[in-house]
Amino acid sequence: MASYRRILLCYNATAEGRCALRLGAQLARELHAQTHLLAVLDDAEWTRGLEVIPAVPFELEQETAKEVLREGVSKLANLGVVAQGHLAIGNPMMQIPSFAKALDIDLIVVGHHPSGLLYRWWTGQDDGRLLDRVSCSVLVAMEPQEL
């Protein structure tokens, strides 16, 4: 089994993000890995040049993202994991690989929300490309689903 010394947990306070945080914390604790927590504020609505002003000011979204990050670091501490928090602004599929490279990460842990191909196309999600953009292992954390 690969030795994971540096783990990057990606967190956004959704159910999927909380799952990634919980499972990633357990793994980090067992491996005694250096742990980093990344929260990404997706600025797509602000950079697309929309004619309509978004309902929530960017500064408020940024403050909310900082609070999500603080919450995540606190939850990790409660789970026995010391983590360094990082906040990024931009496309998560660009920011996650960038941070992984800069921090020399061995393992990225992300949550996953199942959605259809049409939904992903309509919303511009390109998260399937994460594996093509990183040179480390990626763990997709999911809660067990009933079939």
N, C-alpha and C. Protein backbone atom coordinates (compact mmCIF):
# COMPACT_ATOMS: atom_id res chain seq x y z
N MET A 1 0.83 -1.18 0.00
CA MET A 1 0.00 0.00 0.00
C MET A 1 0.88 1.24 0.00
N ALA A 2 0.44 2.24 -0.72
CA ALA A 2 1.18 3.49 -0.79
C ALA A 2 1.21 4.17 0.58
N SER A 3 2.28 4.87 0.85
CA SER A 3 2.39 5.61 2.10
C SER A 3 1.96 7.05 1.85
N TYR A 4 0.90 7.45 2.48
CA TYR A 4 0.38 8.81 2.31
C TYR A 4 0.87 9.66 3.47
N ARG A 5 1.78 10.56 3.17
CA ARG A 5 2.36 11.42 4.20
C ARG A 5 1.67 12.77 4.27
N ARG A 6 1.13 13.24 3.14
CA ARG A 6 0.47 14.54 3.08
C ARG A 6 -0.89 14.37 2.42
N ILE A 7 -1.93 14.72 3.16
CA ILE A 7 -3.30 14.54 2.68
C ILE A 7 -3.97 15.90 2.54
N LEU A 8 -4.67 16.08 1.42
CA LEU A 8 -5.45 17.29 1.18
C LEU A 8 -6.93 16.91 1.22
N LEU A 9 -7.63 17.43 2.22
CA LEU A 9 -9.06 17.21 2.34
C LEU A 9 -9.78 18.40 1.72
N CYS A 10 -10.72 18.14 0.83
CA CYS A 10 -11.48 19.21 0.18
C CYS A 10 -12.84 19.29 0.86
N TYR A 11 -13.20 20.48 1.34
CA TYR A 11 -14.36 20.63 2.21
C TYR A 11 -15.22 21.80 1.78
N ASN A 12 -16.55 21.57 1.76
CA ASN A 12 -17.46 22.66 1.42
C ASN A 12 -18.72 22.68 2.28
N ALA A 13 -18.74 21.96 3.38
CA ALA A 13 -19.84 21.93 4.36
C ALA A 13 -21.11 21.26 3.86
N THR A 14 -21.09 20.66 2.67
CA THR A 14 -22.24 19.88 2.21
C THR A 14 -22.17 18.51 2.89
N ALA A 15 -23.21 17.72 2.72
CA ALA A 15 -23.19 16.36 3.28
C ALA A 15 -22.01 15.58 2.72
N GLU A 16 -21.74 15.75 1.43
CA GLU A 16 -20.62 15.05 0.79
C GLU A 16 -19.28 15.56 1.33
N GLY A 17 -19.19 16.86 1.54
CA GLY A 17 -17.97 17.43 2.11
C GLY A 17 -17.72 16.97 3.53
N ARG A 18 -18.80 16.86 4.31
CA ARG A 18 -18.66 16.36 5.68
C ARG A 18 -18.23 14.90 5.70
N CYS A 19 -18.73 14.12 4.74
CA CYS A 19 -18.31 12.72 4.62
C CYS A 19 -16.81 12.65 4.30
N ALA A 20 -16.36 13.46 3.36
CA ALA A 20 -14.93 13.48 3.00
C ALA A 20 -14.09 13.91 4.20
N LEU A 21 -14.58 14.88 4.95
CA LEU A 21 -13.86 15.36 6.13
C LEU A 21 -13.74 14.25 7.17
N ARG A 22 -14.83 13.59 7.45
CA ARG A 22 -14.85 12.53 8.47
C ARG A 22 -13.95 11.35 8.07
N LEU A 23 -14.12 10.86 6.84
CA LEU A 23 -13.32 9.72 6.39
C LEU A 23 -11.86 10.10 6.22
N GLY A 24 -11.62 11.31 5.71
CA GLY A 24 -10.25 11.78 5.55
C GLY A 24 -9.55 11.96 6.88
N ALA A 25 -10.29 12.43 7.89
CA ALA A 25 -9.72 12.60 9.23
C ALA A 25 -9.32 11.25 9.82
N GLN A 26 -10.17 10.27 9.63
CA GLN A 26 -9.86 8.93 10.14
C GLN A 26 -8.58 8.39 9.49
N LEU A 27 -8.48 8.56 8.18
CA LEU A 27 -7.30 8.09 7.46
C LEU A 27 -6.06 8.86 7.89
N ALA A 28 -6.17 10.18 8.00
CA ALA A 28 -5.03 11.01 8.41
C ALA A 28 -4.54 10.62 9.80
N ARG A 29 -5.48 10.37 10.69
CA ARG A 29 -5.12 9.98 12.05
C ARG A 29 -4.39 8.63 12.06
N GLU A 30 -4.92 7.66 11.32
CA GLU A 30 -4.30 6.33 11.28
C GLU A 30 -2.91 6.35 10.64
N LEU A 31 -2.73 7.23 9.65
CA LEU A 31 -1.45 7.30 8.94
C LEU A 31 -0.48 8.32 9.52
N HIS A 32 -0.95 9.09 10.51
CA HIS A 32 -0.14 10.16 11.09
C HIS A 32 0.34 11.11 9.99
N ALA A 33 -0.57 11.43 9.08
CA ALA A 33 -0.22 12.25 7.91
C ALA A 33 -0.36 13.74 8.21
N GLN A 34 0.49 14.51 7.57
CA GLN A 34 0.34 15.97 7.58
C GLN A 34 -0.96 16.26 6.82
N THR A 35 -1.83 17.06 7.42
CA THR A 35 -3.16 17.25 6.85
C THR A 35 -3.41 18.70 6.50
N HIS A 36 -3.95 18.89 5.30
CA HIS A 36 -4.34 20.22 4.82
C HIS A 36 -5.82 20.17 4.47
N LEU A 37 -6.53 21.24 4.80
CA LEU A 37 -7.95 21.35 4.48
C LEU A 37 -8.12 22.50 3.50
N LEU A 38 -8.77 22.22 2.38
CA LEU A 38 -8.97 23.23 1.34
C LEU A 38 -10.45 23.50 1.14
N ALA A 39 -10.82 24.77 1.25
CA ALA A 39 -12.16 25.21 0.89
C ALA A 39 -12.01 26.11 -0.33
N VAL A 40 -12.82 25.86 -1.35
CA VAL A 40 -12.72 26.64 -2.59
C VAL A 40 -14.01 27.40 -2.81
N LEU A 41 -13.90 28.71 -2.94
CA LEU A 41 -15.03 29.56 -3.29
C LEU A 41 -15.06 29.66 -4.80
N ASP A 42 -16.04 29.02 -5.41
CA ASP A 42 -16.16 29.03 -6.87
C ASP A 42 -16.69 30.39 -7.30
N ASP A 43 -15.88 31.12 -8.05
CA ASP A 43 -16.25 32.47 -8.47
C ASP A 43 -16.84 32.51 -9.87
N ALA A 44 -17.34 31.38 -10.36
CA ALA A 44 -17.84 31.29 -11.74
C ALA A 44 -18.94 32.31 -12.03
N GLU A 45 -19.87 32.50 -11.09
CA GLU A 45 -20.95 33.46 -11.32
C GLU A 45 -20.42 34.88 -11.47
N TRP A 46 -19.34 35.18 -10.79
CA TRP A 46 -18.80 36.53 -10.81
C TRP A 46 -17.90 36.78 -12.02
N THR A 47 -17.35 35.73 -12.59
CA THR A 47 -16.42 35.93 -13.70
C THR A 47 -17.02 35.66 -15.06
N ARG A 48 -18.27 35.23 -15.12
CA ARG A 48 -18.90 34.94 -16.41
C ARG A 48 -19.43 36.19 -17.10
N GLY A 49 -19.42 37.31 -16.41
CA GLY A 49 -19.93 38.53 -17.01
C GLY A 49 -21.45 38.52 -17.12
N LEU A 50 -22.11 38.01 -16.10
CA LEU A 50 -23.56 37.96 -16.12
C LEU A 50 -24.15 39.37 -16.12
N GLU A 51 -25.26 39.52 -16.82
CA GLU A 51 -25.92 40.82 -16.85
C GLU A 51 -26.69 41.07 -15.56
N VAL A 52 -27.04 40.01 -14.86
CA VAL A 52 -27.78 40.14 -13.61
C VAL A 52 -26.79 40.11 -12.45
N ILE A 53 -26.97 41.00 -11.51
CA ILE A 53 -26.09 41.03 -10.34
C ILE A 53 -26.50 39.89 -9.42
N PRO A 54 -25.56 39.05 -9.00
CA PRO A 54 -25.89 37.95 -8.09
C PRO A 54 -26.53 38.48 -6.81
N ALA A 55 -27.41 37.67 -6.22
CA ALA A 55 -28.18 38.08 -5.04
C ALA A 55 -27.30 38.28 -3.81
N VAL A 56 -26.19 37.56 -3.73
CA VAL A 56 -25.31 37.65 -2.57
C VAL A 56 -24.01 38.33 -2.98
N PRO A 57 -23.64 39.41 -2.28
CA PRO A 57 -22.37 40.08 -2.62
C PRO A 57 -21.18 39.14 -2.46
N PHE A 58 -20.17 39.33 -3.31
CA PHE A 58 -19.00 38.46 -3.30
C PHE A 58 -18.32 38.47 -1.93
N GLU A 59 -18.24 39.63 -1.29
CA GLU A 59 -17.58 39.72 0.01
C GLU A 59 -18.28 38.84 1.04
N LEU A 60 -19.62 38.76 0.97
CA LEU A 60 -20.37 37.92 1.89
C LEU A 60 -20.09 36.44 1.60
N GLU A 61 -20.03 36.09 0.32
CA GLU A 61 -19.69 34.71 -0.05
C GLU A 61 -18.29 34.35 0.44
N GLN A 62 -17.37 35.30 0.32
CA GLN A 62 -16.00 35.06 0.75
C GLN A 62 -15.94 34.86 2.26
N GLU A 63 -16.68 35.68 3.01
CA GLU A 63 -16.70 35.53 4.47
C GLU A 63 -17.33 34.19 4.87
N THR A 64 -18.36 33.78 4.15
CA THR A 64 -18.99 32.48 4.41
C THR A 64 -18.00 31.35 4.15
N ALA A 65 -17.24 31.45 3.08
CA ALA A 65 -16.23 30.43 2.76
C ALA A 65 -15.16 30.36 3.86
N LYS A 66 -14.77 31.51 4.38
CA LYS A 66 -13.79 31.53 5.48
C LYS A 66 -14.36 30.84 6.71
N GLU A 67 -15.64 31.07 6.98
CA GLU A 67 -16.29 30.43 8.13
C GLU A 67 -16.38 28.91 7.93
N VAL A 68 -16.69 28.49 6.71
CA VAL A 68 -16.72 27.05 6.40
C VAL A 68 -15.35 26.43 6.66
N LEU A 69 -14.31 27.13 6.27
CA LEU A 69 -12.95 26.64 6.48
C LEU A 69 -12.64 26.54 7.98
N ARG A 70 -12.97 27.59 8.73
CA ARG A 70 -12.74 27.56 10.18
C ARG A 70 -13.51 26.40 10.82
N GLU A 71 -14.74 26.21 10.38
CA GLU A 71 -15.57 25.10 10.88
C GLU A 71 -14.91 23.76 10.60
N GLY A 72 -14.39 23.60 9.40
CA GLY A 72 -13.74 22.34 9.02
C GLY A 72 -12.50 22.07 9.84
N VAL A 73 -11.67 23.08 10.04
CA VAL A 73 -10.45 22.92 10.84
C VAL A 73 -10.83 22.55 12.28
N SER A 74 -11.88 23.19 12.79
CA SER A 74 -12.36 22.89 14.15
C SER A 74 -12.89 21.46 14.26
N LYS A 75 -13.65 21.03 13.26
CA LYS A 75 -14.17 19.65 13.27
C LYS A 75 -13.03 18.65 13.23
N LEU A 76 -12.02 18.93 12.44
CA LEU A 76 -10.86 18.04 12.38
C LEU A 76 -10.16 17.97 13.74
N ALA A 77 -10.01 19.12 14.39
CA ALA A 77 -9.38 19.14 15.71
C ALA A 77 -10.18 18.29 16.69
N ASN A 78 -11.51 18.37 16.61
CA ASN A 78 -12.36 17.55 17.48
C ASN A 78 -12.21 16.06 17.19
N LEU A 79 -11.80 15.74 15.96
CA LEU A 79 -11.58 14.35 15.56
C LEU A 79 -10.13 13.91 15.80
N GLY A 80 -9.34 14.80 16.41
CA GLY A 80 -7.96 14.45 16.74
C GLY A 80 -6.95 14.69 15.64
N VAL A 81 -7.30 15.55 14.67
CA VAL A 81 -6.41 15.83 13.54
C VAL A 81 -6.09 17.32 13.49
N VAL A 82 -4.81 17.64 13.50
CA VAL A 82 -4.38 19.03 13.33
C VAL A 82 -4.21 19.27 11.84
N ALA A 83 -4.91 20.29 11.32
CA ALA A 83 -4.85 20.56 9.88
C ALA A 83 -4.58 22.03 9.65
N GLN A 84 -3.87 22.29 8.57
CA GLN A 84 -3.66 23.67 8.12
C GLN A 84 -4.75 23.98 7.11
N GLY A 85 -5.47 25.09 7.33
CA GLY A 85 -6.56 25.46 6.44
C GLY A 85 -6.09 26.36 5.31
N HIS A 86 -6.70 26.19 4.15
CA HIS A 86 -6.39 26.99 2.97
C HIS A 86 -7.71 27.39 2.30
N LEU A 87 -7.81 28.64 1.89
CA LEU A 87 -8.98 29.12 1.16
C LEU A 87 -8.52 29.53 -0.23
N ALA A 88 -9.22 29.03 -1.24
CA ALA A 88 -8.90 29.38 -2.62
C ALA A 88 -10.15 29.96 -3.27
N ILE A 89 -9.94 30.86 -4.21
CA ILE A 89 -11.04 31.45 -4.96
C ILE A 89 -10.81 31.11 -6.42
N GLY A 90 -11.82 30.49 -7.04
CA GLY A 90 -11.71 30.11 -8.44
C GLY A 90 -12.43 28.80 -8.70
N ASN A 91 -12.11 28.20 -9.82
CA ASN A 91 -12.71 26.94 -10.22
C ASN A 91 -12.07 25.82 -9.39
N PRO A 92 -12.89 25.04 -8.66
CA PRO A 92 -12.32 23.96 -7.84
C PRO A 92 -11.46 22.99 -8.64
N MET A 93 -11.81 22.74 -9.89
CA MET A 93 -11.04 21.80 -10.69
C MET A 93 -9.69 22.35 -11.13
N MET A 94 -9.49 23.64 -10.94
CA MET A 94 -8.18 24.24 -11.17
C MET A 94 -7.45 24.42 -9.84
N GLN A 95 -8.18 24.82 -8.81
CA GLN A 95 -7.57 25.11 -7.52
C GLN A 95 -7.08 23.86 -6.79
N ILE A 96 -7.87 22.79 -6.82
CA ILE A 96 -7.46 21.56 -6.11
C ILE A 96 -6.13 21.03 -6.66
N PRO A 97 -5.98 20.86 -7.98
CA PRO A 97 -4.68 20.40 -8.49
C PRO A 97 -3.53 21.37 -8.18
N SER A 98 -3.82 22.66 -8.23
CA SER A 98 -2.79 23.65 -7.94
C SER A 98 -2.29 23.52 -6.50
N PHE A 99 -3.21 23.42 -5.56
CA PHE A 99 -2.81 23.27 -4.16
C PHE A 99 -2.13 21.92 -3.93
N ALA A 100 -2.63 20.87 -4.57
CA ALA A 100 -2.02 19.55 -4.41
C ALA A 100 -0.55 19.58 -4.85
N LYS A 101 -0.28 20.25 -5.95
CA LYS A 101 1.10 20.33 -6.45
C LYS A 101 1.96 21.20 -5.52
N ALA A 102 1.44 22.36 -5.15
CA ALA A 102 2.21 23.29 -4.31
C ALA A 102 2.54 22.69 -2.94
N LEU A 103 1.63 21.89 -2.41
CA LEU A 103 1.82 21.30 -1.08
C LEU A 103 2.44 19.91 -1.13
N ASP A 104 2.76 19.43 -2.34
CA ASP A 104 3.35 18.10 -2.53
C ASP A 104 2.50 17.02 -1.87
N ILE A 105 1.21 17.03 -2.22
CA ILE A 105 0.21 16.14 -1.63
C ILE A 105 0.33 14.73 -2.21
N ASP A 106 0.16 13.72 -1.34
CA ASP A 106 0.17 12.32 -1.76
C ASP A 106 -1.24 11.79 -2.02
N LEU A 107 -2.23 12.37 -1.32
CA LEU A 107 -3.61 11.89 -1.42
C LEU A 107 -4.58 13.05 -1.28
N ILE A 108 -5.52 13.13 -2.21
CA ILE A 108 -6.61 14.11 -2.15
C ILE A 108 -7.87 13.35 -1.77
N VAL A 109 -8.63 13.89 -0.82
CA VAL A 109 -9.91 13.29 -0.43
C VAL A 109 -11.02 14.28 -0.78
N VAL A 110 -11.95 13.84 -1.61
CA VAL A 110 -13.08 14.68 -2.01
C VAL A 110 -14.38 13.93 -1.76
N GLY A 111 -15.44 14.69 -1.57
CA GLY A 111 -16.78 14.10 -1.48
C GLY A 111 -17.38 14.03 -2.87
N HIS A 112 -18.45 13.27 -2.99
CA HIS A 112 -19.10 13.13 -4.30
C HIS A 112 -20.60 13.17 -4.14
N HIS A 113 -21.24 13.98 -4.97
CA HIS A 113 -22.70 14.01 -5.03
C HIS A 113 -23.12 13.48 -6.38
N PRO A 114 -23.84 12.35 -6.40
CA PRO A 114 -24.24 11.80 -7.70
C PRO A 114 -25.22 12.72 -8.41
N SER A 115 -24.95 12.99 -9.67
CA SER A 115 -25.87 13.77 -10.50
C SER A 115 -25.71 13.30 -11.94
N GLY A 116 -26.71 13.54 -12.73
CA GLY A 116 -26.71 13.05 -14.10
C GLY A 116 -25.81 13.85 -15.03
N LEU A 117 -25.53 13.26 -16.18
CA LEU A 117 -24.68 13.88 -17.18
C LEU A 117 -25.26 15.20 -17.68
N LEU A 118 -26.57 15.25 -17.90
CA LEU A 118 -27.20 16.48 -18.36
C LEU A 118 -27.04 17.58 -17.34
N TYR A 119 -27.23 17.28 -16.07
CA TYR A 119 -27.07 18.28 -15.02
C TYR A 119 -25.64 18.81 -15.00
N ARG A 120 -24.68 17.91 -15.11
CA ARG A 120 -23.27 18.34 -15.10
C ARG A 120 -22.96 19.23 -16.30
N TRP A 121 -23.51 18.88 -17.46
CA TRP A 121 -23.29 19.70 -18.65
C TRP A 121 -23.95 21.07 -18.46
N TRP A 122 -25.18 21.08 -17.99
CA TRP A 122 -25.94 22.32 -17.84
C TRP A 122 -25.28 23.28 -16.87
N THR A 123 -24.73 22.75 -15.79
CA THR A 123 -24.11 23.59 -14.77
C THR A 123 -22.63 23.84 -15.03
N GLY A 124 -22.10 23.23 -16.08
CA GLY A 124 -20.70 23.46 -16.42
C GLY A 124 -19.72 22.72 -15.52
N GLN A 125 -20.19 21.72 -14.80
CA GLN A 125 -19.30 20.97 -13.91
C GLN A 125 -18.36 20.10 -14.73
N ASP A 126 -17.09 20.15 -14.36
CA ASP A 126 -16.10 19.34 -15.07
C ASP A 126 -15.28 18.52 -14.08
N ASP A 127 -15.91 18.11 -12.98
CA ASP A 127 -15.16 17.44 -11.94
C ASP A 127 -14.61 16.08 -12.35
N GLY A 128 -15.08 15.52 -13.45
CA GLY A 128 -14.52 14.27 -13.94
C GLY A 128 -13.08 14.42 -14.37
N ARG A 129 -12.64 15.63 -14.60
CA ARG A 129 -11.27 15.87 -15.08
C ARG A 129 -10.24 15.98 -13.96
N LEU A 130 -10.68 15.92 -12.72
CA LEU A 130 -9.73 16.05 -11.61
C LEU A 130 -8.62 15.01 -11.71
N LEU A 131 -8.98 13.79 -12.01
CA LEU A 131 -7.97 12.73 -12.09
C LEU A 131 -6.93 13.00 -13.16
N ASP A 132 -7.32 13.70 -14.21
CA ASP A 132 -6.39 14.03 -15.29
C ASP A 132 -5.46 15.18 -14.93
N ARG A 133 -5.77 15.90 -13.85
CA ARG A 133 -5.02 17.11 -13.51
C ARG A 133 -4.10 16.95 -12.31
N VAL A 134 -4.10 15.78 -11.69
CA VAL A 134 -3.26 15.58 -10.51
C VAL A 134 -2.31 14.41 -10.73
N SER A 135 -1.23 14.40 -9.96
CA SER A 135 -0.25 13.31 -10.07
C SER A 135 -0.18 12.51 -8.77
N CYS A 136 -1.27 12.56 -8.00
CA CYS A 136 -1.32 11.80 -6.75
C CYS A 136 -2.62 11.00 -6.71
N SER A 137 -2.77 10.22 -5.67
CA SER A 137 -3.99 9.42 -5.52
C SER A 137 -5.16 10.32 -5.12
N VAL A 138 -6.37 9.89 -5.50
CA VAL A 138 -7.60 10.60 -5.15
C VAL A 138 -8.56 9.60 -4.53
N LEU A 139 -9.06 9.93 -3.35
CA LEU A 139 -10.06 9.11 -2.69
C LEU A 139 -11.39 9.85 -2.77
N VAL A 140 -12.38 9.21 -3.36
CA VAL A 140 -13.72 9.79 -3.45
C VAL A 140 -14.54 9.19 -2.32
N ALA A 141 -14.88 10.03 -1.35
CA ALA A 141 -15.62 9.57 -0.18
C ALA A 141 -17.12 9.69 -0.44
N MET A 142 -17.82 8.59 -0.19
CA MET A 142 -19.27 8.58 -0.40
C MET A 142 -19.94 7.85 0.76
N GLU A 143 -21.08 8.35 1.17
CA GLU A 143 -21.89 7.63 2.16
C GLU A 143 -22.52 6.44 1.45
N PRO A 144 -22.65 5.32 2.13
CA PRO A 144 -23.32 4.17 1.50
C PRO A 144 -24.74 4.53 1.08
N GLN A 145 -25.12 4.14 -0.12
CA GLN A 145 -26.45 4.42 -0.66
C GLN A 145 -27.27 3.14 -0.67
N GLU A 146 -28.54 3.28 -0.38
CA GLU A 146 -29.42 2.12 -0.49
C GLU A 146 -29.78 1.94 -1.95
N LEU A 147 -29.79 0.70 -2.41
CA LEU A 147 -30.12 0.42 -3.81
C LEU A 147 -31.57 0.09 -3.97
